[in-house]
Amino acid sequence: LSGESLSAALRAGPMEPAEVVCVLRDLLEVLAVVHAHGIVHRDLKPSNVFLTDAPSRRQVRLLDFGVCLMTHD
């Protein structure tokens, strides 16, 4: 992946409000899909949120499902 973690982006300085809204919306959409499949991430933190360098705008990728919890069979 080409881009940076959310923690690296935050260390670089404040994000524009519009970008914060986009990142949070995308992250919530990812979590909704994951939860719909019965998976709880359990280690959600800025270093596990990756922001890609997409041509039109950054896209969110959720990383490190190593300590996830499966809630469905």
C-alpha atoms as a PDB file:
ATOM      1  CA  LEU A   1       0.000   0.000   0.000  1.00  0.00           C
ATOM      2  CA  SER A   2       1.101   3.513  -0.710  1.00  0.00           C
ATOM      3  CA  GLY A   3       0.239   6.052   1.964  1.00  0.00           C
ATOM      4  CA  GLU A   4       0.640   6.415   5.715  1.00  0.00           C
ATOM      5  CA  SER A   5      -0.938   5.399   8.994  1.00  0.00           C
ATOM      6  CA  LEU A   6      -3.383   7.720  10.677  1.00  0.00           C
ATOM      7  CA  SER A   7      -0.897   8.085  13.538  1.00  0.00           C
ATOM      8  CA  ALA A   8       1.777   9.343  11.101  1.00  0.00           C
ATOM      9  CA  ALA A   9      -0.714  11.747   9.504  1.00  0.00           C
ATOM     10  CA  LEU A  10      -1.638  13.119  12.929  1.00  0.00           C
ATOM     11  CA  ARG A  11       2.029  13.582  13.903  1.00  0.00           C
ATOM     12  CA  ALA A  12       2.480  15.699  10.766  1.00  0.00           C
ATOM     13  CA  GLY A  13      -0.027  18.239  12.106  1.00  0.00           C
ATOM     14  CA  PRO A  14      -3.736  18.967  12.194  1.00  0.00           C
ATOM     15  CA  MET A  15      -5.902  17.565   9.425  1.00  0.00           C
ATOM     16  CA  GLU A  16      -8.416  19.683   7.554  1.00  0.00           C
ATOM     17  CA  PRO A  17     -11.942  19.268   8.986  1.00  0.00           C
ATOM     18  CA  ALA A  18     -13.283  17.972   5.661  1.00  0.00           C
ATOM     19  CA  GLU A  19     -10.567  15.303   5.554  1.00  0.00           C
ATOM     20  CA  VAL A  20     -11.324  14.277   9.159  1.00  0.00           C
ATOM     21  CA  VAL A  21     -14.983  13.802   8.212  1.00  0.00           C
ATOM     22  CA  CYS A  22     -14.033  11.662   5.191  1.00  0.00           C
ATOM     23  CA  VAL A  23     -11.621   9.514   7.204  1.00  0.00           C
ATOM     24  CA  LEU A  24     -14.120   8.966  10.021  1.00  0.00           C
ATOM     25  CA  ARG A  25     -16.962   8.197   7.602  1.00  0.00           C
ATOM     26  CA  ASP A  26     -14.834   5.649   5.745  1.00  0.00           C
ATOM     27  CA  LEU A  27     -13.628   4.084   8.997  1.00  0.00           C
ATOM     28  CA  LEU A  28     -17.195   3.765  10.290  1.00  0.00           C
ATOM     29  CA  GLU A  29     -18.252   2.136   7.007  1.00  0.00           C
ATOM     30  CA  VAL A  30     -15.391  -0.371   7.286  1.00  0.00           C
ATOM     31  CA  LEU A  31     -16.318  -1.174  10.885  1.00  0.00           C
ATOM     32  CA  ALA A  32     -19.991  -1.624   9.924  1.00  0.00           C
ATOM     33  CA  VAL A  33     -19.046  -4.184   7.257  1.00  0.00           C
ATOM     34  CA  VAL A  34     -16.650  -6.002   9.572  1.00  0.00           C
ATOM     35  CA  HIS A  35     -19.237  -6.092  12.378  1.00  0.00           C
ATOM     36  CA  ALA A  36     -21.921  -7.308   9.950  1.00  0.00           C
ATOM     37  CA  HIS A  37     -19.644 -10.317   9.322  1.00  0.00           C
ATOM     38  CA  GLY A  38     -19.404 -10.999  13.053  1.00  0.00           C
ATOM     39  CA  ILE A  39     -15.884  -9.652  13.547  1.00  0.00           C
ATOM     40  CA  VAL A  40     -14.839  -7.261  16.324  1.00  0.00           C
ATOM     41  CA  HIS A  41     -11.421  -5.689  15.670  1.00  0.00           C
ATOM     42  CA  ARG A  42     -10.395  -5.196  19.356  1.00  0.00           C
ATOM     43  CA  ASP A  43      -7.269  -3.140  18.576  1.00  0.00           C
ATOM     44  CA  LEU A  44      -8.612  -0.011  16.930  1.00  0.00           C
ATOM     45  CA  LYS A  45      -5.980   2.720  17.142  1.00  0.00           C
ATOM     46  CA  PRO A  46      -4.462   5.295  14.756  1.00  0.00           C
ATOM     47  CA  SER A  47      -1.502   3.061  13.873  1.00  0.00           C
ATOM     48  CA  ASN A  48      -3.925   0.367  12.602  1.00  0.00           C
ATOM     49  CA  VAL A  49      -5.796   2.792  10.359  1.00  0.00           C
ATOM     50  CA  PHE A  50      -3.990   3.240   7.032  1.00  0.00           C
ATOM     51  CA  LEU A  51      -4.678   6.128   4.653  1.00  0.00           C
ATOM     52  CA  THR A  52      -3.892   5.270   1.039  1.00  0.00           C
ATOM     53  CA  ASP A  53      -2.643   7.744  -1.525  1.00  0.00           C
ATOM     54  CA  ALA A  54      -5.642   7.382  -3.859  1.00  0.00           C
ATOM     55  CA  PRO A  55      -5.731   9.702  -6.897  1.00  0.00           C
ATOM     56  CA  SER A  56      -8.955  11.512  -5.972  1.00  0.00           C
ATOM     57  CA  ARG A  57      -8.858  11.288  -2.148  1.00  0.00           C
ATOM     58  CA  ARG A  58      -7.389   9.183   0.603  1.00  0.00           C
ATOM     59  CA  GLN A  59      -9.041   5.856   1.296  1.00  0.00           C
ATOM     60  CA  VAL A  60      -9.114   4.113   4.675  1.00  0.00           C
ATOM     61  CA  ARG A  61      -7.831   0.590   5.215  1.00  0.00           C
ATOM     62  CA  LEU A  62      -8.149  -1.116   8.582  1.00  0.00           C
ATOM     63  CA  LEU A  63      -5.096  -3.233   9.431  1.00  0.00           C
ATOM     64  CA  ASP A  64      -4.031  -5.815  12.025  1.00  0.00           C
ATOM     65  CA  PHE A  65      -6.889  -8.162  12.802  1.00  0.00           C
ATOM     66  CA  GLY A  66      -4.551 -10.286  14.956  1.00  0.00           C
ATOM     67  CA  VAL A  67      -6.644  -9.962  18.136  1.00  0.00           C
ATOM     68  CA  CYS A  68     -10.096  -9.882  16.540  1.00  0.00           C
ATOM     69  CA  LEU A  69     -13.106 -11.591  18.074  1.00  0.00           C
ATOM     70  CA  MET A  70     -15.521 -13.676  16.001  1.00  0.00           C
ATOM     71  CA  THR A  71     -19.101 -13.243  17.255  1.00  0.00           C
ATOM     72  CA  HIS A  72     -20.876 -15.551  14.739  1.00  0.00           C
ATOM     73  CA  ASP A  73     -20.382 -19.186  13.828  1.00  0.00           C
END
